[in-house]
Each structure stands twice: as structure tokens, then as C-alpha cells.
């Protein structure tokens, strides 16, 4: 079997956290308006 450390899974989550403004490229119409 394979096992993962809960701390490693939590670290993965934090490393992939999206910060405010990182998705602006998805809303080009907002920038124009």
C-alpha cells in the first residue's frame, strides 16, 4: 500500500493556493469596463 503524510498533503494544498488577482486573466471584459 501507499501512504502519504497528512502534513505533505496540507503543504501541497498551501502551495497551490490561489491568491487574489491570480485569476484576472479569466475576466478580460472586467479590465476593459
ModelCIF file with pLDDT and N, C-alpha, C, O atoms, coordinates in Angstrom:
data_MODEL
#
_entry.id   MODEL 
#
_entity.id                         1 
_entity.type                       polymer 
_entity.pdbx_number_of_molecules   1 
#
_entity_poly.entity_id                      1 
_entity_poly.type                           'polypeptide(L)' 
_entity_poly.nstd_linkage                   no 
_entity_poly.nstd_monomer                   no 
_entity_poly.pdbx_seq_one_letter_code       
;(UNK)(UNK)(UNK)(UNK)(UNK)(UNK)(UNK)(UNK)(UNK)(UNK)(UNK)(UNK)(UNK)(UNK)(UNK)(UNK)
(UNK)(UNK)(UNK)(UNK)(UNK)(UNK)(UNK)(UNK)(UNK)(UNK)(UNK)(UNK)(UNK)(UNK)(UNK)(UNK)
(UNK)
;
_entity_poly.pdbx_seq_one_letter_code_can   XXXXXXXXXXXXXXXXXXXXXXXXXXXXXXXXX 
_entity_poly.pdbx_strand_id                 A 
#
loop_
_entity_poly_seq.entity_id 
_entity_poly_seq.num 
_entity_poly_seq.mon_id 
_entity_poly_seq.hetero 
1 1  UNK n 
1 2  UNK n 
1 3  UNK n 
1 4  UNK n 
1 5  UNK n 
1 6  UNK n 
1 7  UNK n 
1 8  UNK n 
1 9  UNK n 
1 10 UNK n 
1 11 UNK n 
1 12 UNK n 
1 13 UNK n 
1 14 UNK n 
1 15 UNK n 
1 16 UNK n 
1 17 UNK n 
1 18 UNK n 
1 19 UNK n 
1 20 UNK n 
1 21 UNK n 
1 22 UNK n 
1 23 UNK n 
1 24 UNK n 
1 25 UNK n 
1 26 UNK n 
1 27 UNK n 
1 28 UNK n 
1 29 UNK n 
1 30 UNK n 
1 31 UNK n 
1 32 UNK n 
1 33 UNK n 
#
_struct_asym.id          A 
_struct_asym.entity_id   1 
#
loop_
_ma_qa_metric.id 
_ma_qa_metric.mode 
_ma_qa_metric.name 
_ma_qa_metric.software_group_id 
_ma_qa_metric.type 
1 global pLDDT . pLDDT 
2 local  pLDDT . pLDDT 
#
_ma_qa_metric_global.metric_id      1 
_ma_qa_metric_global.metric_value   88.94 
_ma_qa_metric_global.model_id       1 
_ma_qa_metric_global.ordinal_id     1 
#
loop_
_ma_qa_metric_local.label_asym_id 
_ma_qa_metric_local.label_comp_id 
_ma_qa_metric_local.label_seq_id 
_ma_qa_metric_local.metric_id 
_ma_qa_metric_local.metric_value 
_ma_qa_metric_local.model_id 
_ma_qa_metric_local.ordinal_id 
A UNK 1  2 96.00 1 1  
A UNK 2  2 97.00 1 2  
A UNK 3  2 98.00 1 3  
A UNK 4  2 98.00 1 4  
A UNK 5  2 98.00 1 5  
A UNK 6  2 98.00 1 6  
A UNK 7  2 97.00 1 7  
A UNK 8  2 98.00 1 8  
A UNK 9  2 98.00 1 9  
A UNK 10 2 96.00 1 10 
A UNK 11 2 97.00 1 11 
A UNK 12 2 97.00 1 12 
A UNK 13 2 95.00 1 13 
A UNK 14 2 95.00 1 14 
A UNK 15 2 94.00 1 15 
A UNK 16 2 92.00 1 16 
A UNK 17 2 93.00 1 17 
A UNK 18 2 91.00 1 18 
A UNK 19 2 90.00 1 19 
A UNK 20 2 90.00 1 20 
A UNK 21 2 87.00 1 21 
A UNK 22 2 88.00 1 22 
A UNK 23 2 88.00 1 23 
A UNK 24 2 89.00 1 24 
A UNK 25 2 86.00 1 25 
A UNK 26 2 88.00 1 26 
A UNK 27 2 87.00 1 27 
A UNK 28 2 81.00 1 28 
A UNK 29 2 79.00 1 29 
A UNK 30 2 69.00 1 30 
A UNK 31 2 62.00 1 31 
A UNK 32 2 60.00 1 32 
A UNK 33 2 63.00 1 33 
#
loop_
_atom_site.group_PDB 
_atom_site.id 
_atom_site.type_symbol 
_atom_site.label_atom_id 
_atom_site.label_alt_id 
_atom_site.label_comp_id 
_atom_site.label_asym_id 
_atom_site.label_entity_id 
_atom_site.label_seq_id 
_atom_site.pdbx_PDB_ins_code 
_atom_site.Cartn_x 
_atom_site.Cartn_y 
_atom_site.Cartn_z 
_atom_site.occupancy 
_atom_site.B_iso_or_equiv 
_atom_site.pdbx_formal_charge 
_atom_site.auth_seq_id 
_atom_site.auth_comp_id 
_atom_site.auth_asym_id 
_atom_site.auth_atom_id 
_atom_site.pdbx_PDB_model_num 
ATOM 1   N N  . UNK A 1 1  ? 0.836   -1.203 0.000   1.00 96.00 ? 1  UNK A N  1 
ATOM 2   C CA . UNK A 1 1  ? 0.000   0.000  0.000   1.00 96.00 ? 1  UNK A CA 1 
ATOM 3   C C  . UNK A 1 1  ? 0.871   1.253  0.000   1.00 96.00 ? 1  UNK A C  1 
ATOM 4   O O  . UNK A 1 1  ? 2.042   1.216  0.378   1.00 96.00 ? 1  UNK A O  1 
ATOM 5   N N  . UNK A 1 2  ? 0.280   2.351  -0.428  1.00 97.00 ? 2  UNK A N  1 
ATOM 6   C CA . UNK A 1 2  ? 0.943   3.647  -0.416  1.00 97.00 ? 2  UNK A CA 1 
ATOM 7   C C  . UNK A 1 2  ? 0.315   4.501  0.680   1.00 97.00 ? 2  UNK A C  1 
ATOM 8   O O  . UNK A 1 2  ? -0.896  4.468  0.901   1.00 97.00 ? 2  UNK A O  1 
ATOM 9   N N  . UNK A 1 3  ? 1.156   5.256  1.350   1.00 98.00 ? 3  UNK A N  1 
ATOM 10  C CA . UNK A 1 3  ? 0.694   6.156  2.401   1.00 98.00 ? 3  UNK A CA 1 
ATOM 11  C C  . UNK A 1 3  ? 1.298   7.531  2.165   1.00 98.00 ? 3  UNK A C  1 
ATOM 12  O O  . UNK A 1 3  ? 2.387   7.671  1.608   1.00 98.00 ? 3  UNK A O  1 
ATOM 13  N N  . UNK A 1 4  ? 0.558   8.541  2.605   1.00 98.00 ? 4  UNK A N  1 
ATOM 14  C CA . UNK A 1 4  ? 1.013   9.917  2.493   1.00 98.00 ? 4  UNK A CA 1 
ATOM 15  C C  . UNK A 1 4  ? 0.958   10.559 3.862   1.00 98.00 ? 4  UNK A C  1 
ATOM 16  O O  . UNK A 1 4  ? 0.073   10.257 4.663   1.00 98.00 ? 4  UNK A O  1 
ATOM 17  N N  . UNK A 1 5  ? 1.899   11.441 4.132   1.00 98.00 ? 5  UNK A N  1 
ATOM 18  C CA . UNK A 1 5  ? 1.867   12.193 5.379   1.00 98.00 ? 5  UNK A CA 1 
ATOM 19  C C  . UNK A 1 5  ? 0.810   13.280 5.236   1.00 98.00 ? 5  UNK A C  1 
ATOM 20  O O  . UNK A 1 5  ? 0.756   13.971 4.219   1.00 98.00 ? 5  UNK A O  1 
ATOM 21  N N  . UNK A 1 6  ? -0.021  13.428 6.249   1.00 98.00 ? 6  UNK A N  1 
ATOM 22  C CA . UNK A 1 6  ? -1.053  14.464 6.225   1.00 98.00 ? 6  UNK A CA 1 
ATOM 23  C C  . UNK A 1 6  ? -0.409  15.841 6.061   1.00 98.00 ? 6  UNK A C  1 
ATOM 24  O O  . UNK A 1 6  ? -0.965  16.704 5.382   1.00 98.00 ? 6  UNK A O  1 
ATOM 25  N N  . UNK A 1 7  ? 0.751   16.054 6.673   1.00 97.00 ? 7  UNK A N  1 
ATOM 26  C CA . UNK A 1 7  ? 1.446   17.339 6.555   1.00 97.00 ? 7  UNK A CA 1 
ATOM 27  C C  . UNK A 1 7  ? 1.863   17.615 5.112   1.00 97.00 ? 7  UNK A C  1 
ATOM 28  O O  . UNK A 1 7  ? 1.823   18.762 4.668   1.00 97.00 ? 7  UNK A O  1 
ATOM 29  N N  . UNK A 1 8  ? 2.263   16.573 4.372   1.00 98.00 ? 8  UNK A N  1 
ATOM 30  C CA . UNK A 1 8  ? 2.632   16.747 2.960   1.00 98.00 ? 8  UNK A CA 1 
ATOM 31  C C  . UNK A 1 8  ? 1.413   17.110 2.113   1.00 98.00 ? 8  UNK A C  1 
ATOM 32  O O  . UNK A 1 8  ? 1.506   17.928 1.197   1.00 98.00 ? 8  UNK A O  1 
ATOM 33  N N  . UNK A 1 9  ? 0.283   16.504 2.421   1.00 98.00 ? 9  UNK A N  1 
ATOM 34  C CA . UNK A 1 9  ? -0.952  16.808 1.691   1.00 98.00 ? 9  UNK A CA 1 
ATOM 35  C C  . UNK A 1 9  ? -1.364  18.250 1.985   1.00 98.00 ? 9  UNK A C  1 
ATOM 36  O O  . UNK A 1 9  ? -1.748  18.979 1.071   1.00 98.00 ? 9  UNK A O  1 
ATOM 37  N N  . UNK A 1 10 ? -1.289  18.665 3.244   1.00 96.00 ? 10 UNK A N  1 
ATOM 38  C CA . UNK A 1 10 ? -1.628  20.035 3.616   1.00 96.00 ? 10 UNK A CA 1 
ATOM 39  C C  . UNK A 1 10 ? -0.671  21.035 2.974   1.00 96.00 ? 10 UNK A C  1 
ATOM 40  O O  . UNK A 1 10 ? -1.088  22.110 2.543   1.00 96.00 ? 10 UNK A O  1 
ATOM 41  N N  . UNK A 1 11 ? 0.614   20.679 2.910   1.00 97.00 ? 11 UNK A N  1 
ATOM 42  C CA . UNK A 1 11 ? 1.613   21.537 2.263   1.00 97.00 ? 11 UNK A CA 1 
ATOM 43  C C  . UNK A 1 11 ? 1.289   21.701 0.784   1.00 97.00 ? 11 UNK A C  1 
ATOM 44  O O  . UNK A 1 11 ? 1.397   22.800 0.241   1.00 97.00 ? 11 UNK A O  1 
ATOM 45  N N  . UNK A 1 12 ? 0.894   20.616 0.132   1.00 97.00 ? 12 UNK A N  1 
ATOM 46  C CA . UNK A 1 12 ? 0.506   20.671 -1.283  1.00 97.00 ? 12 UNK A CA 1 
ATOM 47  C C  . UNK A 1 12 ? -0.653  21.654 -1.471  1.00 97.00 ? 12 UNK A C  1 
ATOM 48  O O  . UNK A 1 12 ? -0.650  22.459 -2.403  1.00 97.00 ? 12 UNK A O  1 
ATOM 49  N N  . UNK A 1 13 ? -1.628  21.580 -0.588  1.00 95.00 ? 13 UNK A N  1 
ATOM 50  C CA . UNK A 1 13 ? -2.770  22.491 -0.664  1.00 95.00 ? 13 UNK A CA 1 
ATOM 51  C C  . UNK A 1 13 ? -2.318  23.947 -0.560  1.00 95.00 ? 13 UNK A C  1 
ATOM 52  O O  . UNK A 1 13 ? -2.752  24.790 -1.345  1.00 95.00 ? 13 UNK A O  1 
ATOM 53  N N  . UNK A 1 14 ? -1.464  24.238 0.391   1.00 95.00 ? 14 UNK A N  1 
ATOM 54  C CA . UNK A 1 14 ? -0.994  25.611 0.580   1.00 95.00 ? 14 UNK A CA 1 
ATOM 55  C C  . UNK A 1 14 ? -0.170  26.100 -0.603  1.00 95.00 ? 14 UNK A C  1 
ATOM 56  O O  . UNK A 1 14 ? -0.273  27.268 -0.979  1.00 95.00 ? 14 UNK A O  1 
ATOM 57  N N  . UNK A 1 15 ? 0.648   25.231 -1.199  1.00 94.00 ? 15 UNK A N  1 
ATOM 58  C CA . UNK A 1 15 ? 1.466   25.627 -2.348  1.00 94.00 ? 15 UNK A CA 1 
ATOM 59  C C  . UNK A 1 15 ? 0.613   25.942 -3.567  1.00 94.00 ? 15 UNK A C  1 
ATOM 60  O O  . UNK A 1 15 ? 1.051   26.675 -4.454  1.00 94.00 ? 15 UNK A O  1 
ATOM 61  N N  . UNK A 1 16 ? -0.581  25.407 -3.623  1.00 92.00 ? 16 UNK A N  1 
ATOM 62  C CA . UNK A 1 16 ? -1.462  25.625 -4.774  1.00 92.00 ? 16 UNK A CA 1 
ATOM 63  C C  . UNK A 1 16 ? -2.617  26.568 -4.463  1.00 92.00 ? 16 UNK A C  1 
ATOM 64  O O  . UNK A 1 16 ? -3.608  26.620 -5.191  1.00 92.00 ? 16 UNK A O  1 
ATOM 65  N N  . UNK A 1 17 ? -2.473  27.301 -3.386  1.00 93.00 ? 17 UNK A N  1 
ATOM 66  C CA . UNK A 1 17 ? -3.490  28.272 -3.005  1.00 93.00 ? 17 UNK A CA 1 
ATOM 67  C C  . UNK A 1 17 ? -3.499  29.420 -4.016  1.00 93.00 ? 17 UNK A C  1 
ATOM 68  O O  . UNK A 1 17 ? -2.445  29.908 -4.424  1.00 93.00 ? 17 UNK A O  1 
ATOM 69  N N  . UNK A 1 18 ? -4.672  29.833 -4.404  1.00 91.00 ? 18 UNK A N  1 
ATOM 70  C CA . UNK A 1 18 ? -4.823  30.929 -5.363  1.00 91.00 ? 18 UNK A CA 1 
ATOM 71  C C  . UNK A 1 18 ? -4.979  32.223 -4.581  1.00 91.00 ? 18 UNK A C  1 
ATOM 72  O O  . UNK A 1 18 ? -5.838  32.342 -3.708  1.00 91.00 ? 18 UNK A O  1 
ATOM 73  N N  . UNK A 1 19 ? -4.131  33.188 -4.912  1.00 90.00 ? 19 UNK A N  1 
ATOM 74  C CA . UNK A 1 19 ? -4.155  34.476 -4.239  1.00 90.00 ? 19 UNK A CA 1 
ATOM 75  C C  . UNK A 1 19 ? -5.030  35.454 -5.012  1.00 90.00 ? 19 UNK A C  1 
ATOM 76  O O  . UNK A 1 19 ? -5.248  35.272 -6.210  1.00 90.00 ? 19 UNK A O  1 
ATOM 77  N N  . UNK A 1 20 ? -5.537  36.492 -4.340  1.00 90.00 ? 20 UNK A N  1 
ATOM 78  C CA . UNK A 1 20 ? -6.353  37.480 -5.039  1.00 90.00 ? 20 UNK A CA 1 
ATOM 79  C C  . UNK A 1 20 ? -5.605  38.073 -6.232  1.00 90.00 ? 20 UNK A C  1 
ATOM 80  O O  . UNK A 1 20 ? -4.432  38.429 -6.130  1.00 90.00 ? 20 UNK A O  1 
ATOM 81  N N  . UNK A 1 21 ? -6.290  38.170 -7.340  1.00 87.00 ? 21 UNK A N  1 
ATOM 82  C CA . UNK A 1 21 ? -5.716  38.740 -8.548  1.00 87.00 ? 21 UNK A CA 1 
ATOM 83  C C  . UNK A 1 21 ? -5.109  37.732 -9.500  1.00 87.00 ? 21 UNK A C  1 
ATOM 84  O O  . UNK A 1 21 ? -4.805  38.080 -10.641 1.00 87.00 ? 21 UNK A O  1 
ATOM 85  N N  . UNK A 1 22 ? -4.921  36.483 -9.070  1.00 88.00 ? 22 UNK A N  1 
ATOM 86  C CA . UNK A 1 22 ? -4.297  35.485 -9.930  1.00 88.00 ? 22 UNK A CA 1 
ATOM 87  C C  . UNK A 1 22 ? -5.226  34.984 -11.036 1.00 88.00 ? 22 UNK A C  1 
ATOM 88  O O  . UNK A 1 22 ? -4.768  34.345 -11.984 1.00 88.00 ? 22 UNK A O  1 
ATOM 89  N N  . UNK A 1 23 ? -6.491  35.259 -10.927 1.00 88.00 ? 23 UNK A N  1 
ATOM 90  C CA . UNK A 1 23 ? -7.444  34.805 -11.941 1.00 88.00 ? 23 UNK A CA 1 
ATOM 91  C C  . UNK A 1 23 ? -7.935  35.937 -12.836 1.00 88.00 ? 23 UNK A C  1 
ATOM 92  O O  . UNK A 1 23 ? -8.901  35.766 -13.579 1.00 88.00 ? 23 UNK A O  1 
ATOM 93  N N  . UNK A 1 24 ? -7.275  37.093 -12.769 1.00 89.00 ? 24 UNK A N  1 
ATOM 94  C CA . UNK A 1 24 ? -7.696  38.229 -13.592 1.00 89.00 ? 24 UNK A CA 1 
ATOM 95  C C  . UNK A 1 24 ? -7.706  37.899 -15.072 1.00 89.00 ? 24 UNK A C  1 
ATOM 96  O O  . UNK A 1 24 ? -8.512  38.454 -15.820 1.00 89.00 ? 24 UNK A O  1 
ATOM 97  N N  . UNK A 1 25 ? -6.831  37.010 -15.511 1.00 86.00 ? 25 UNK A N  1 
ATOM 98  C CA . UNK A 1 25 ? -6.786  36.650 -16.930 1.00 86.00 ? 25 UNK A CA 1 
ATOM 99  C C  . UNK A 1 25 ? -8.076  35.972 -17.399 1.00 86.00 ? 25 UNK A C  1 
ATOM 100 O O  . UNK A 1 25 ? -8.329  35.889 -18.601 1.00 86.00 ? 25 UNK A O  1 
ATOM 101 N N  . UNK A 1 26 ? -8.884  35.493 -16.469 1.00 88.00 ? 26 UNK A N  1 
ATOM 102 C CA . UNK A 1 26 ? -10.149 34.855 -16.829 1.00 88.00 ? 26 UNK A CA 1 
ATOM 103 C C  . UNK A 1 26 ? -11.264 35.873 -17.085 1.00 88.00 ? 26 UNK A C  1 
ATOM 104 O O  . UNK A 1 26 ? -12.322 35.520 -17.605 1.00 88.00 ? 26 UNK A O  1 
ATOM 105 N N  . UNK A 1 27 ? -11.026 37.132 -16.719 1.00 87.00 ? 27 UNK A N  1 
ATOM 106 C CA . UNK A 1 27 ? -12.059 38.164 -16.827 1.00 87.00 ? 27 UNK A CA 1 
ATOM 107 C C  . UNK A 1 27 ? -11.545 39.377 -17.598 1.00 87.00 ? 27 UNK A C  1 
ATOM 108 O O  . UNK A 1 27 ? -11.475 40.471 -17.038 1.00 87.00 ? 27 UNK A O  1 
ATOM 109 N N  . UNK A 1 28 ? -11.181 39.206 -18.879 1.00 81.00 ? 28 UNK A N  1 
ATOM 110 C CA . UNK A 1 28 ? -10.650 40.345 -19.637 1.00 81.00 ? 28 UNK A CA 1 
ATOM 111 C C  . UNK A 1 28 ? -11.696 41.448 -19.832 1.00 81.00 ? 28 UNK A C  1 
ATOM 112 O O  . UNK A 1 28 ? -11.337 42.620 -19.944 1.00 81.00 ? 28 UNK A O  1 
ATOM 113 N N  . UNK A 1 29 ? -12.983 41.089 -19.873 1.00 79.00 ? 29 UNK A N  1 
ATOM 114 C CA . UNK A 1 29 ? -14.019 42.098 -20.052 1.00 79.00 ? 29 UNK A CA 1 
ATOM 115 C C  . UNK A 1 29 ? -14.103 43.038 -18.857 1.00 79.00 ? 29 UNK A C  1 
ATOM 116 O O  . UNK A 1 29 ? -14.474 44.200 -19.015 1.00 79.00 ? 29 UNK A O  1 
ATOM 117 N N  . UNK A 1 30 ? -13.767 42.560 -17.674 1.00 69.00 ? 30 UNK A N  1 
ATOM 118 C CA . UNK A 1 30 ? -13.792 43.404 -16.479 1.00 69.00 ? 30 UNK A CA 1 
ATOM 119 C C  . UNK A 1 30 ? -12.724 44.485 -16.596 1.00 69.00 ? 30 UNK A C  1 
ATOM 120 O O  . UNK A 1 30 ? -12.960 45.636 -16.230 1.00 69.00 ? 30 UNK A O  1 
ATOM 121 N N  . UNK A 1 31 ? -11.559 44.119 -17.099 1.00 62.00 ? 31 UNK A N  1 
ATOM 122 C CA . UNK A 1 31 ? -10.474 45.091 -17.257 1.00 62.00 ? 31 UNK A CA 1 
ATOM 123 C C  . UNK A 1 31 ? -10.884 46.183 -18.242 1.00 62.00 ? 31 UNK A C  1 
ATOM 124 O O  . UNK A 1 31 ? -10.628 47.364 -18.007 1.00 62.00 ? 31 UNK A O  1 
ATOM 125 N N  . UNK A 1 32 ? -11.528 45.783 -19.356 1.00 60.00 ? 32 UNK A N  1 
ATOM 126 C CA . UNK A 1 32 ? -11.960 46.757 -20.352 1.00 60.00 ? 32 UNK A CA 1 
ATOM 127 C C  . UNK A 1 32 ? -13.015 47.706 -19.772 1.00 60.00 ? 32 UNK A C  1 
ATOM 128 O O  . UNK A 1 32 ? -12.949 48.916 -19.990 1.00 60.00 ? 32 UNK A O  1 
ATOM 129 N N  . UNK A 1 33 ? -13.983 47.159 -19.037 1.00 63.00 ? 33 UNK A N  1 
ATOM 130 C CA . UNK A 1 33 ? -15.047 48.002 -18.491 1.00 63.00 ? 33 UNK A CA 1 
ATOM 131 C C  . UNK A 1 33 ? -14.511 48.928 -17.404 1.00 63.00 ? 33 UNK A C  1 
ATOM 132 O O  . UNK A 1 33 ? -15.268 49.711 -16.831 1.00 63.00 ? 33 UNK A O  1 
#
